[in-house]
Amino acid sequence: MRNRHAWTERDVNGVKREIVATKERGRWSLRFKVAGEEYWTSIDPIERDLLTTLRDILYRKYQRRRASYEDVQMADRMLGELGARSE
């Protein structure tokens, strides 16, 4: 199964950006590219709302058999770690 997932969204200024999530060494890494730019920017640390969006995308793909349940669980674990860090 593919371990690369992409989606687009608009930031607070209305600028469109493409976000790509890639599974590397047992972790999800995210990067984005703003419309009209040539280079990708890594997102580190990963923002909670982006990780929640990734989890939702993975779950929907899992229901259609296009992602593994382990990928969904990995995103859940990362969300749990973010929650533990913020407390």
Protein backbone atom coordinates (compact mmCIF):
# COMPACT_ATOMS: atom_id res chain seq x y z
CA MET A 1 0.00 0.00 0.00
CA ARG A 2 1.11 3.52 -0.66
CA ASN A 3 2.51 5.40 2.28
CA ARG A 4 2.13 8.84 0.76
CA HIS A 5 -1.02 10.89 1.19
CA ALA A 6 -1.67 14.41 -0.06
CA TRP A 7 -4.37 17.04 0.30
CA THR A 8 -4.82 20.76 -0.31
CA GLU A 9 -6.14 23.47 1.96
CA ARG A 10 -6.12 27.22 2.30
CA ASP A 11 -4.26 28.98 5.10
CA VAL A 12 -5.63 31.87 7.16
CA ASN A 13 -4.72 34.33 4.39
CA GLY A 14 -6.57 32.34 1.73
CA VAL A 15 -3.38 31.06 0.10
CA LYS A 16 -3.67 27.53 -1.26
CA ARG A 17 -1.10 25.00 -0.06
CA GLU A 18 -0.54 21.35 -0.82
CA ILE A 19 0.36 19.11 2.11
CA VAL A 20 2.02 15.72 1.70
CA ALA A 21 2.34 13.11 4.45
CA THR A 22 4.91 10.35 4.06
CA LYS A 23 5.58 7.44 6.38
CA GLU A 24 9.29 7.24 7.12
CA ARG A 25 10.95 4.98 9.68
CA GLY A 26 7.72 4.35 11.55
CA ARG A 27 6.68 8.01 11.78
CA TRP A 28 4.60 10.32 9.65
CA SER A 29 6.41 13.35 8.31
CA LEU A 30 4.58 16.26 6.72
CA ARG A 31 5.71 18.90 4.26
CA PHE A 32 3.92 21.59 2.32
CA LYS A 33 4.29 23.74 -0.76
CA VAL A 34 2.48 27.03 -1.21
CA ALA A 35 0.87 27.65 -4.60
CA GLY A 36 3.32 29.33 -6.91
CA GLU A 37 6.42 28.26 -4.98
CA GLU A 38 8.92 25.72 -6.17
CA TYR A 39 10.26 24.23 -2.93
CA TRP A 40 8.74 22.08 -0.20
CA THR A 41 8.91 23.07 3.47
CA SER A 42 9.01 20.45 6.20
CA ILE A 43 6.50 20.78 9.05
CA ASP A 44 8.33 20.08 12.30
CA PRO A 45 6.84 19.84 14.84
CA ILE A 46 3.61 18.62 13.31
CA GLU A 47 0.60 20.74 14.21
CA ARG A 48 -2.30 18.97 15.91
CA ASP A 49 -4.89 20.05 13.33
CA LEU A 50 -2.77 18.71 10.44
CA LEU A 51 -2.22 15.42 12.24
CA THR A 52 -5.96 15.16 12.90
CA THR A 53 -6.65 15.77 9.21
CA LEU A 54 -4.13 13.08 8.27
CA ARG A 55 -5.77 10.65 10.68
CA ASP A 56 -9.19 11.34 9.15
CA ILE A 57 -7.82 10.83 5.62
CA LEU A 58 -6.14 7.58 6.64
CA TYR A 59 -9.32 6.30 8.28
CA ARG A 60 -11.43 7.05 5.22
CA LYS A 61 -8.85 5.35 3.00
CA TYR A 62 -8.76 2.39 5.39
CA GLN A 63 -12.52 1.98 4.98
CA ARG A 64 -12.00 1.77 1.21
CA ARG A 65 -9.01 -0.61 1.67
CA ARG A 66 -6.51 1.95 0.41
CA ALA A 67 -4.60 2.31 3.70
CA SER A 68 -3.69 -0.10 6.46
CA TYR A 69 -5.14 -0.01 9.95
CA GLU A 70 -1.58 0.15 11.29
CA ASP A 71 -1.19 3.53 9.57
CA VAL A 72 -4.34 4.78 11.32
CA GLN A 73 -3.02 3.48 14.65
CA MET A 74 0.32 5.21 14.08
CA ALA A 75 -1.45 8.53 13.54
CA ASP A 76 -3.49 7.89 16.71
CA ARG A 77 -0.28 7.24 18.68
CA MET A 78 1.27 10.45 17.40
CA LEU A 79 -1.87 12.37 18.38
CA GLY A 80 -1.65 10.79 21.84
CA GLU A 81 1.98 11.87 22.15
CA LEU A 82 1.03 15.43 21.23
CA GLY A 83 -1.63 15.38 23.93
CA ALA A 84 0.85 14.09 26.51
CA ARG A 85 3.36 16.83 25.63
CA SER A 86 0.83 19.64 25.96
CA GLU A 87 -0.31 18.59 29.44
